């Protein structure tokens, strides 16, 4: 599933909940999946730690114009890919507990 953004590059922004830098892109052949991914590159070891059934790893590639695109990391994709940084789906860190009383 190659990532394709409608109308050009995927917008880089901050998560409204936690403020982390993220990329938001519609990916898939028909742009069927809205992906919000962290912009922090992962090492191969971190990729294995973060991989779980409902969390995907993405290859974040930058073209010659500086536009970033997400590509799904499939099982054959090398963890030490030289074409782009690997990033994970964004999950906000747990919020600090608050007291209501």
PDB file of N, CA and C in Angstrom:
ATOM      1  N   UNK A   1       0.859  -1.159   0.000  1.00  0.00           N
ATOM      2  CA  UNK A   1       0.000   0.000   0.000  1.00  0.00           C
ATOM      3  C   UNK A   1       0.905   1.220   0.000  1.00  0.00           C
ATOM      4  N   UNK A   2       1.077   1.817  -1.125  1.00  0.00           N
ATOM      5  CA  UNK A   2       1.942   2.988  -1.221  1.00  0.00           C
ATOM      6  C   UNK A   2       1.188   4.224  -0.764  1.00  0.00           C
ATOM      7  N   UNK A   3       1.879   5.090  -0.061  1.00  0.00           N
ATOM      8  CA  UNK A   3       1.233   6.296   0.439  1.00  0.00           C
ATOM      9  C   UNK A   3       1.130   7.353  -0.638  1.00  0.00           C
ATOM     10  N   UNK A   4      -0.040   7.917  -0.765  1.00  0.00           N
ATOM     11  CA  UNK A   4      -0.240   9.002  -1.714  1.00  0.00           C
ATOM     12  C   UNK A   4      -1.104  10.056  -1.056  1.00  0.00           C
ATOM     13  N   UNK A   5      -0.631  11.264  -1.043  1.00  0.00           N
ATOM     14  CA  UNK A   5      -1.414  12.353  -0.470  1.00  0.00           C
ATOM     15  C   UNK A   5      -2.169  13.055  -1.587  1.00  0.00           C
ATOM     16  N   UNK A   6      -3.365  13.451  -1.308  1.00  0.00           N
ATOM     17  CA  UNK A   6      -4.132  14.208  -2.292  1.00  0.00           C
ATOM     18  C   UNK A   6      -3.579  15.621  -2.359  1.00  0.00           C
ATOM     19  N   UNK A   7      -3.313  16.073  -3.569  1.00  0.00           N
ATOM     20  CA  UNK A   7      -2.913  17.454  -3.752  1.00  0.00           C
ATOM     21  C   UNK A   7      -1.519  17.785  -3.275  1.00  0.00           C
ATOM     22  N   UNK A   8      -0.602  16.822  -3.223  1.00  0.00           N
ATOM     23  CA  UNK A   8       0.774  17.136  -2.881  1.00  0.00           C
ATOM     24  C   UNK A   8       1.249  16.513  -1.603  1.00  0.00           C
ATOM     25  N   UNK A   9       2.068  17.244  -0.884  1.00  0.00           N
ATOM     26  CA  UNK A   9       2.742  16.709   0.293  1.00  0.00           C
ATOM     27  C   UNK A   9       1.797  16.585   1.476  1.00  0.00           C
ATOM     28  N   UNK A  10       2.113  15.652   2.344  1.00  0.00           N
ATOM     29  CA  UNK A  10       1.341  15.469   3.566  1.00  0.00           C
ATOM     30  C   UNK A  10       1.672  16.605   4.532  1.00  0.00           C
ATOM     31  N   UNK A  11       0.652  17.161   5.171  1.00  0.00           N
ATOM     32  CA  UNK A  11       0.914  18.281   6.077  1.00  0.00           C
ATOM     33  C   UNK A  11       1.576  17.832   7.381  1.00  0.00           C
ATOM     34  N   UNK A  12       2.591  18.584   7.793  1.00  0.00           N
ATOM     35  CA  UNK A  12       3.213  18.353   9.087  1.00  0.00           C
ATOM     36  C   UNK A  12       2.544  19.289  10.077  1.00  0.00           C
ATOM     37  N   UNK A  13       2.240  18.781  11.236  1.00  0.00           N
ATOM     38  CA  UNK A  13       1.542  19.586  12.231  1.00  0.00           C
ATOM     39  C   UNK A  13       1.867  19.071  13.618  1.00  0.00           C
ATOM     40  N   UNK A  14       1.160  19.561  14.611  1.00  0.00           N
ATOM     41  CA  UNK A  14       1.314  19.096  15.987  1.00  0.00           C
ATOM     42  C   UNK A  14       0.020  18.436  16.418  1.00  0.00           C
ATOM     43  N   UNK A  15       0.149  17.400  17.236  1.00  0.00           N
ATOM     44  CA  UNK A  15      -1.021  16.707  17.778  1.00  0.00           C
ATOM     45  C   UNK A  15      -1.777  17.694  18.669  1.00  0.00           C
ATOM     46  N   UNK A  16      -3.099  17.846  18.473  1.00  0.00           N
ATOM     47  CA  UNK A  16      -3.845  18.795  19.300  1.00  0.00           C
ATOM     48  C   UNK A  16      -3.922  18.379  20.765  1.00  0.00           C
ATOM     49  N   UNK A  17      -3.749  17.093  21.062  1.00  0.00           N
ATOM     50  CA  UNK A  17      -3.841  16.633  22.452  1.00  0.00           C
ATOM     51  C   UNK A  17      -2.534  16.749  23.221  1.00  0.00           C
ATOM     52  N   UNK A  18      -1.426  16.295  22.604  1.00  0.00           N
ATOM     53  CA  UNK A  18      -0.162  16.271  23.348  1.00  0.00           C
ATOM     54  C   UNK A  18       0.906  17.210  22.796  1.00  0.00           C
ATOM     55  N   UNK A  19       0.708  17.767  21.606  1.00  0.00           N
ATOM     56  CA  UNK A  19       1.661  18.715  21.036  1.00  0.00           C
ATOM     57  C   UNK A  19       2.845  18.097  20.325  1.00  0.00           C
ATOM     58  N   UNK A  20       2.883  16.774  20.188  1.00  0.00           N
ATOM     59  CA  UNK A  20       3.993  16.116  19.497  1.00  0.00           C
ATOM     60  C   UNK A  20       3.942  16.427  18.007  1.00  0.00           C
ATOM     61  N   UNK A  21       5.118  16.548  17.346  1.00  0.00           N
ATOM     62  CA  UNK A  21       5.113  16.761  15.900  1.00  0.00           C
ATOM     63  C   UNK A  21       4.647  15.483  15.197  1.00  0.00           C
ATOM     64  N   UNK A  22       3.686  15.620  14.289  1.00  0.00           N
ATOM     65  CA  UNK A  22       3.127  14.477  13.568  1.00  0.00           C
ATOM     66  C   UNK A  22       2.965  14.822  12.096  1.00  0.00           C
ATOM     67  N   UNK A  23       2.751  13.806  11.294  1.00  0.00           N
ATOM     68  CA  UNK A  23       2.409  13.975   9.891  1.00  0.00           C
ATOM     69  C   UNK A  23       1.046  13.321   9.701  1.00  0.00           C
ATOM     70  N   UNK A  24       0.164  13.979   8.967  1.00  0.00           N
ATOM     71  CA  UNK A  24      -1.191  13.489   8.731  1.00  0.00           C
ATOM     72  C   UNK A  24      -1.347  13.317   7.222  1.00  0.00           C
ATOM     73  N   UNK A  25      -1.648  12.080   6.793  1.00  0.00           N
ATOM     74  CA  UNK A  25      -1.722  11.803   5.358  1.00  0.00           C
ATOM     75  C   UNK A  25      -2.799  10.770   5.069  1.00  0.00           C
ATOM     76  N   UNK A  26      -3.474  10.937   3.940  1.00  0.00           N
ATOM     77  CA  UNK A  26      -4.386   9.921   3.438  1.00  0.00           C
ATOM     78  C   UNK A  26      -3.564   8.982   2.573  1.00  0.00           C
ATOM     79  N   UNK A  27      -3.524   7.697   2.933  1.00  0.00           N
ATOM     80  CA  UNK A  27      -2.703   6.738   2.198  1.00  0.00           C
ATOM     81  C   UNK A  27      -3.577   5.639   1.620  1.00  0.00           C
ATOM     82  N   UNK A  28      -3.011   4.904   0.709  1.00  0.00           N
ATOM     83  CA  UNK A  28      -3.711   3.816   0.054  1.00  0.00           C
ATOM     84  C   UNK A  28      -3.961   4.160  -1.392  1.00  0.00           C
ATOM     85  N   UNK A  29      -4.330   3.161  -2.157  1.00  0.00           N
ATOM     86  CA  UNK A  29      -4.540   3.357  -3.583  1.00  0.00           C
ATOM     87  C   UNK A  29      -5.619   4.396  -3.839  1.00  0.00           C
ATOM     88  N   UNK A  30      -6.661   4.395  -3.018  1.00  0.00           N
ATOM     89  CA  UNK A  30      -7.739   5.361  -3.165  1.00  0.00           C
ATOM     90  C   UNK A  30      -7.787   6.300  -1.974  1.00  0.00           C
ATOM     91  N   UNK A  31      -6.658   6.484  -1.297  1.00  0.00           N
ATOM     92  CA  UNK A  31      -6.558   7.350  -0.121  1.00  0.00           C
ATOM     93  C   UNK A  31      -7.643   6.996   0.883  1.00  0.00           C
ATOM     94  N   UNK A  32      -7.687   5.713   1.239  1.00  0.00           N
ATOM     95  CA  UNK A  32      -8.752   5.189   2.080  1.00  0.00           C
ATOM     96  C   UNK A  32      -8.421   5.190   3.563  1.00  0.00           C
ATOM     97  N   UNK A  33      -7.175   5.439   3.924  1.00  0.00           N
ATOM     98  CA  UNK A  33      -6.774   5.349   5.322  1.00  0.00           C
ATOM     99  C   UNK A  33      -6.141   6.666   5.762  1.00  0.00           C
ATOM    100  N   UNK A  34      -6.711   7.287   6.787  1.00  0.00           N
ATOM    101  CA  UNK A  34      -6.146   8.516   7.332  1.00  0.00           C
ATOM    102  C   UNK A  34      -5.116   8.124   8.389  1.00  0.00           C
ATOM    103  N   UNK A  35      -3.866   8.462   8.148  1.00  0.00           N
ATOM    104  CA  UNK A  35      -2.773   8.073   9.041  1.00  0.00           C
ATOM    105  C   UNK A  35      -2.219   9.305   9.726  1.00  0.00           C
ATOM    106  N   UNK A  36      -2.057   9.207  11.036  1.00  0.00           N
ATOM    107  CA  UNK A  36      -1.345  10.215  11.813  1.00  0.00           C
ATOM    108  C   UNK A  36      -0.144   9.494  12.414  1.00  0.00           C
ATOM    109  N   UNK A  37       1.049   9.908  12.011  1.00  0.00           N
ATOM    110  CA  UNK A  37       2.266   9.227  12.436  1.00  0.00           C
ATOM    111  C   UNK A  37       3.220  10.221  13.099  1.00  0.00           C
ATOM    112  N   UNK A  38       4.008   9.693  14.043  1.00  0.00           N
ATOM    113  CA  UNK A  38       5.043  10.494  14.688  1.00  0.00           C
ATOM    114  C   UNK A  38       6.126  10.836  13.676  1.00  0.00           C
ATOM    115  N   UNK A  39       6.841  11.917  13.908  1.00  0.00           N
ATOM    116  CA  UNK A  39       7.956  12.294  13.036  1.00  0.00           C
ATOM    117  C   UNK A  39       9.302  11.863  13.605  1.00  0.00           C
ATOM    118  N   UNK A  40       9.296  11.207  14.758  1.00  0.00           N
ATOM    119  CA  UNK A  40      10.534  10.750  15.378  1.00  0.00           C
ATOM    120  C   UNK A  40      10.985   9.439  14.730  1.00  0.00           C
ATOM    121  N   UNK A  41      12.174   9.412  14.096  1.00  0.00           N
ATOM    122  CA  UNK A  41      12.659   8.183  13.470  1.00  0.00           C
ATOM    123  C   UNK A  41      12.912   7.093  14.515  1.00  0.00           C
ATOM    124  N   UNK A  42      12.685   5.839  14.108  1.00  0.00           N
ATOM    125  CA  UNK A  42      12.856   4.691  14.997  1.00  0.00           C
ATOM    126  C   UNK A  42      14.041   3.845  14.553  1.00  0.00           C
ATOM    127  N   UNK A  43      14.755   3.281  15.515  1.00  0.00           N
ATOM    128  CA  UNK A  43      15.795   2.304  15.219  1.00  0.00           C
ATOM    129  C   UNK A  43      15.113   0.962  14.960  1.00  0.00           C
ATOM    130  N   UNK A  44      15.806  -0.015  14.357  1.00  0.00           N
ATOM    131  CA  UNK A  44      15.195  -1.334  14.167  1.00  0.00           C
ATOM    132  C   UNK A  44      14.719  -1.963  15.481  1.00  0.00           C
ATOM    133  N   UNK A  45      15.449  -1.748  16.574  1.00  0.00           N
ATOM    134  CA  UNK A  45      15.046  -2.296  17.868  1.00  0.00           C
ATOM    135  C   UNK A  45      13.755  -1.645  18.365  1.00  0.00           C
ATOM    136  N   UNK A  46      13.643  -0.333  18.207  1.00  0.00           N
ATOM    137  CA  UNK A  46      12.424   0.369  18.621  1.00  0.00           C
ATOM    138  C   UNK A  46      11.224  -0.068  17.785  1.00  0.00           C
ATOM    139  N   UNK A  47      11.459  -0.345  16.501  1.00  0.00           N
ATOM    140  CA  UNK A  47      10.370  -0.817  15.645  1.00  0.00           C
ATOM    141  C   UNK A  47       9.804  -2.133  16.163  1.00  0.00           C
ATOM    142  N   UNK A  48      10.681  -3.046  16.561  1.00  0.00           N
ATOM    143  CA  UNK A  48      10.220  -4.335  17.086  1.00  0.00           C
ATOM    144  C   UNK A  48       9.468  -4.159  18.400  1.00  0.00           C
ATOM    145  N   UNK A  49       9.914  -3.238  19.256  1.00  0.00           N
ATOM    146  CA  UNK A  49       9.243  -3.002  20.531  1.00  0.00           C
ATOM    147  C   UNK A  49       7.856  -2.392  20.336  1.00  0.00           C
ATOM    148  N   UNK A  50       7.717  -1.503  19.361  1.00  0.00           N
ATOM    149  CA  UNK A  50       6.449  -0.801  19.148  1.00  0.00           C
ATOM    150  C   UNK A  50       5.453  -1.579  18.308  1.00  0.00           C
ATOM    151  N   UNK A  51       5.932  -2.578  17.572  1.00  0.00           N
ATOM    152  CA  UNK A  51       5.053  -3.310  16.660  1.00  0.00           C
ATOM    153  C   UNK A  51       4.042  -4.126  17.463  1.00  0.00           C
ATOM    154  N   UNK A  52       2.775  -3.914  17.160  1.00  0.00           N
ATOM    155  CA  UNK A  52       1.676  -4.651  17.780  1.00  0.00           C
ATOM    156  C   UNK A  52       0.575  -4.773  16.736  1.00  0.00           C
ATOM    157  N   UNK A  53      -0.456  -5.595  16.983  1.00  0.00           N
ATOM    158  CA  UNK A  53      -1.453  -5.859  15.933  1.00  0.00           C
ATOM    159  C   UNK A  53      -2.117  -4.623  15.332  1.00  0.00           C
ATOM    160  N   UNK A  54      -2.402  -3.611  16.122  1.00  0.00           N
ATOM    161  CA  UNK A  54      -3.124  -2.452  15.597  1.00  0.00           C
ATOM    162  C   UNK A  54      -2.257  -1.203  15.482  1.00  0.00           C
ATOM    163  N   UNK A  55      -0.942  -1.380  15.439  1.00  0.00           N
ATOM    164  CA  UNK A  55      -0.038  -0.236  15.278  1.00  0.00           C
ATOM    165  C   UNK A  55       0.916  -0.541  14.134  1.00  0.00           C
ATOM    166  N   UNK A  56       0.941   0.336  13.159  1.00  0.00           N
ATOM    167  CA  UNK A  56       1.759   0.112  11.975  1.00  0.00           C
ATOM    168  C   UNK A  56       3.022   0.965  12.011  1.00  0.00           C
ATOM    169  N   UNK A  57       4.035   0.481  11.294  1.00  0.00           N
ATOM    170  CA  UNK A  57       5.285   1.212  11.104  1.00  0.00           C
ATOM    171  C   UNK A  57       5.270   1.713   9.665  1.00  0.00           C
ATOM    172  N   UNK A  58       5.694   2.950   9.461  1.00  0.00           N
ATOM    173  CA  UNK A  58       5.677   3.588   8.151  1.00  0.00           C
ATOM    174  C   UNK A  58       7.075   4.021   7.750  1.00  0.00           C
ATOM    175  N   UNK A  59       7.342   3.997   6.455  1.00  0.00           N
ATOM    176  CA  UNK A  59       8.591   4.516   5.901  1.00  0.00           C
ATOM    177  C   UNK A  59       8.292   5.945   5.459  1.00  0.00           C
ATOM    178  N   UNK A  60       8.943   6.910   6.062  1.00  0.00           N
ATOM    179  CA  UNK A  60       8.732   8.327   5.770  1.00  0.00           C
ATOM    180  C   UNK A  60       9.809   8.786   4.799  1.00  0.00           C
ATOM    181  N   UNK A  61       9.427   8.961   3.554  1.00  0.00           N
ATOM    182  CA  UNK A  61      10.376   9.334   2.507  1.00  0.00           C
ATOM    183  C   UNK A  61      10.204  10.802   2.143  1.00  0.00           C
ATOM    184  N   UNK A  62      11.312  11.443   1.830  1.00  0.00           N
ATOM    185  CA  UNK A  62      11.302  12.841   1.407  1.00  0.00           C
ATOM    186  C   UNK A  62      11.797  12.896  -0.027  1.00  0.00           C
ATOM    187  N   UNK A  63      11.016  13.528  -0.919  1.00  0.00           N
ATOM    188  CA  UNK A  63      11.435  13.603  -2.319  1.00  0.00           C
ATOM    189  C   UNK A  63      12.376  14.789  -2.536  1.00  0.00           C
ATOM    190  N   UNK A  64      12.783  14.994  -3.775  1.00  0.00           N
ATOM    191  CA  UNK A  64      13.760  16.052  -4.081  1.00  0.00           C
ATOM    192  C   UNK A  64      13.218  17.454  -3.823  1.00  0.00           C
ATOM    193  N   UNK A  65      11.881  17.598  -3.743  1.00  0.00           N
ATOM    194  CA  UNK A  65      11.278  18.898  -3.451  1.00  0.00           C
ATOM    195  C   UNK A  65      11.053  19.119  -1.963  1.00  0.00           C
ATOM    196  N   UNK A  66      11.397  18.127  -1.151  1.00  0.00           N
ATOM    197  CA  UNK A  66      11.233  18.250   0.293  1.00  0.00           C
ATOM    198  C   UNK A  66       9.877  17.787   0.808  1.00  0.00           C
ATOM    199  N   UNK A  67       9.025  17.235  -0.073  1.00  0.00           N
ATOM    200  CA  UNK A  67       7.724  16.731   0.353  1.00  0.00           C
ATOM    201  C   UNK A  67       7.873  15.358   1.001  1.00  0.00           C
ATOM    202  N   UNK A  68       7.228  15.188   2.142  1.00  0.00           N
ATOM    203  CA  UNK A  68       7.299  13.917   2.866  1.00  0.00           C
ATOM    204  C   UNK A  68       6.091  13.069   2.512  1.00  0.00           C
ATOM    205  N   UNK A  69       6.320  11.749   2.352  1.00  0.00           N
ATOM    206  CA  UNK A  69       5.258  10.802   2.044  1.00  0.00           C
ATOM    207  C   UNK A  69       5.431   9.556   2.906  1.00  0.00           C
ATOM    208  N   UNK A  70       4.306   8.988   3.321  1.00  0.00           N
ATOM    209  CA  UNK A  70       4.317   7.758   4.103  1.00  0.00           C
ATOM    210  C   UNK A  70       4.106   6.558   3.190  1.00  0.00           C
ATOM    211  N   UNK A  71       4.896   5.507   3.418  1.00  0.00           N
ATOM    212  CA  UNK A  71       4.744   4.234   2.726  1.00  0.00           C
ATOM    213  C   UNK A  71       4.671   3.146   3.781  1.00  0.00           C
ATOM    214  N   UNK A  72       3.723   2.251   3.617  1.00  0.00           N
ATOM    215  CA  UNK A  72       3.518   1.186   4.592  1.00  0.00           C
ATOM    216  C   UNK A  72       4.705   0.249   4.600  1.00  0.00           C
ATOM    217  N   UNK A  73       5.236  -0.084   5.770  1.00  0.00           N
ATOM    218  CA  UNK A  73       6.337  -1.030   5.908  1.00  0.00           C
ATOM    219  C   UNK A  73       5.732  -2.422   5.974  1.00  0.00           C
ATOM    220  N   UNK A  74       5.917  -3.180   4.891  1.00  0.00           N
ATOM    221  CA  UNK A  74       5.415  -4.549   4.845  1.00  0.00           C
ATOM    222  C   UNK A  74       6.472  -5.496   5.388  1.00  0.00           C
ATOM    223  N   UNK A  75       6.152  -6.781   5.478  1.00  0.00           N
ATOM    224  CA  UNK A  75       7.051  -7.755   6.087  1.00  0.00           C
ATOM    225  C   UNK A  75       8.401  -7.845   5.353  1.00  0.00           C
ATOM    226  N   UNK A  76       8.446  -7.577   4.056  1.00  0.00           N
ATOM    227  CA  UNK A  76       9.693  -7.688   3.307  1.00  0.00           C
ATOM    228  C   UNK A  76      10.548  -6.429   3.400  1.00  0.00           C
ATOM    229  N   UNK A  77      10.020  -5.370   3.928  1.00  0.00           N
ATOM    230  CA  UNK A  77      10.720  -4.086   4.005  1.00  0.00           C
ATOM    231  C   UNK A  77      11.866  -4.177   5.007  1.00  0.00           C
ATOM    232  N   UNK A  78      13.084  -3.825   4.633  1.00  0.00           N
ATOM    233  CA  UNK A  78      14.210  -3.941   5.563  1.00  0.00           C
ATOM    234  C   UNK A  78      14.108  -2.944   6.716  1.00  0.00           C
ATOM    235  N   UNK A  79      14.377  -3.367   7.956  1.00  0.00           N
ATOM    236  CA  UNK A  79      14.281  -2.445   9.090  1.00  0.00           C
ATOM    237  C   UNK A  79      15.314  -1.327   9.047  1.00  0.00           C
ATOM    238  N   UNK A  80      16.419  -1.526   8.322  1.00  0.00           N
ATOM    239  CA  UNK A  80      17.442  -0.491   8.206  1.00  0.00           C
ATOM    240  C   UNK A  80      17.372   0.161   6.819  1.00  0.00           C
ATOM    241  N   UNK A  81      16.165   0.440   6.374  1.00  0.00           N
ATOM    242  CA  UNK A  81      15.880   1.022   5.057  1.00  0.00           C
ATOM    243  C   UNK A  81      16.691   2.303   4.853  1.00  0.00           C
ATOM    244  N   UNK A  82      17.257   2.457   3.676  1.00  0.00           N
ATOM    245  CA  UNK A  82      18.054   3.645   3.381  1.00  0.00           C
ATOM    246  C   UNK A  82      17.253   4.698   2.613  1.00  0.00           C
ATOM    247  N   UNK A  83      16.005   4.386   2.232  1.00  0.00           N
ATOM    248  CA  UNK A  83      15.217   5.337   1.455  1.00  0.00           C
ATOM    249  C   UNK A  83      14.442   6.311   2.327  1.00  0.00           C
ATOM    250  N   UNK A  84      14.258   6.004   3.594  1.00  0.00           N
ATOM    251  CA  UNK A  84      13.517   6.908   4.461  1.00  0.00           C
ATOM    252  C   UNK A  84      13.586   6.484   5.915  1.00  0.00           C
ATOM    253  N   UNK A  85      13.178   7.381   6.784  1.00  0.00           N
ATOM    254  CA  UNK A  85      13.136   7.084   8.216  1.00  0.00           C
ATOM    255  C   UNK A  85      11.882   6.274   8.511  1.00  0.00           C
ATOM    256  N   UNK A  86      11.965   5.361   9.451  1.00  0.00           N
ATOM    257  CA  UNK A  86      10.789   4.594   9.852  1.00  0.00           C
ATOM    258  C   UNK A  86      10.153   5.270  11.062  1.00  0.00           C
ATOM    259  N   UNK A  87       8.828   5.438  10.982  1.00  0.00           N
ATOM    260  CA  UNK A  87       8.059   6.090  12.045  1.00  0.00           C
ATOM    261  C   UNK A  87       6.843   5.222  12.359  1.00  0.00           C
ATOM    262  N   UNK A  88       6.238   5.442  13.518  1.00  0.00           N
ATOM    263  CA  UNK A  88       5.088   4.642  13.955  1.00  0.00           C
ATOM    264  C   UNK A  88       3.825   5.497  13.979  1.00  0.00           C
ATOM    265  N   UNK A  89       2.667   4.808  13.945  1.00  0.00           N
ATOM    266  CA  UNK A  89       1.397   5.486  14.173  1.00  0.00           C
ATOM    267  C   UNK A  89       1.497   6.266  15.474  1.00  0.00           C
ATOM    268  N   UNK A  90       0.884   7.428  15.508  1.00  0.00           N
ATOM    269  CA  UNK A  90       0.967   8.267  16.704  1.00  0.00           C
ATOM    270  C   UNK A  90       0.028   7.775  17.796  1.00  0.00           C
ATOM    271  N   UNK A  91       0.551   7.663  18.999  1.00  0.00           N
ATOM    272  CA  UNK A  91      -0.230   7.411  20.211  1.00  0.00           C
ATOM    273  C   UNK A  91       0.179   8.471  21.218  1.00  0.00           C
ATOM    274  N   UNK A  92      -0.795   9.190  21.730  1.00  0.00           N
ATOM    275  CA  UNK A  92      -0.493  10.211  22.738  1.00  0.00           C
ATOM    276  C   UNK A  92       0.024   9.522  23.999  1.00  0.00           C
ATOM    277  N   UNK A  93       1.028  10.113  24.652  1.00  0.00           N
ATOM    278  CA  UNK A  93       1.497   9.550  25.929  1.00  0.00           C
ATOM    279  C   UNK A  93       0.395   9.652  26.972  1.00  0.00           C
ATOM    280  N   UNK A  94       0.418   8.753  27.949  1.00  0.00           N
ATOM    281  CA  UNK A  94      -0.630   8.840  29.006  1.00  0.00           C
ATOM    282  C   UNK A  94      -0.557  10.186  29.722  1.00  0.00           C
ATOM    283  N   UNK A  95      -1.722  10.718  29.965  1.00  0.00           N
ATOM    284  CA  UNK A  95      -1.807  12.002  30.654  1.00  0.00           C
ATOM    285  C   UNK A  95      -1.505  11.829  32.141  1.00  0.00           C
ATOM    286  N   UNK A  96      -0.949  12.870  32.712  1.00  0.00           N
ATOM    287  CA  UNK A  96      -0.687  12.845  34.157  1.00  0.00           C
ATOM    288  C   UNK A  96      -2.023  12.815  34.901  1.00  0.00           C
ATOM    289  N   UNK A  97      -2.105  12.047  35.971  1.00  0.00           N
ATOM    290  CA  UNK A  97      -3.368  11.990  36.713  1.00  0.00           C
ATOM    291  C   UNK A  97      -3.695  13.356  37.313  1.00  0.00           C
ATOM    292  N   UNK A  98      -4.959  13.658  37.297  1.00  0.00           N
ATOM    293  CA  UNK A  98      -5.419  14.909  37.897  1.00  0.00           C
ATOM    294  C   UNK A  98      -6.398  14.602  39.021  1.00  0.00           C
ATOM    295  N   UNK A  99      -6.453  15.482  39.956  1.00  0.00           N
ATOM    296  CA  UNK A  99      -7.362  15.311  41.089  1.00  0.00           C
ATOM    297  C   UNK A  99      -8.535  16.268  40.929  1.00  0.00           C
ATOM    298  N   UNK A 100      -9.732  15.758  41.073  1.00  0.00           N
ATOM    299  CA  UNK A 100     -10.913  16.584  40.937  1.00  0.00           C
ATOM    300  C   UNK A 100     -11.319  17.233  42.247  1.00  0.00           C
ATOM    301  N   UNK A 101     -10.806  16.772  43.359  1.00  0.00           N
ATOM    302  CA  UNK A 101     -11.244  17.285  44.679  1.00  0.00           C
ATOM    303  C   UNK A 101     -10.156  18.092  45.334  1.00  0.00           C
TER     304      UNK A 101
END
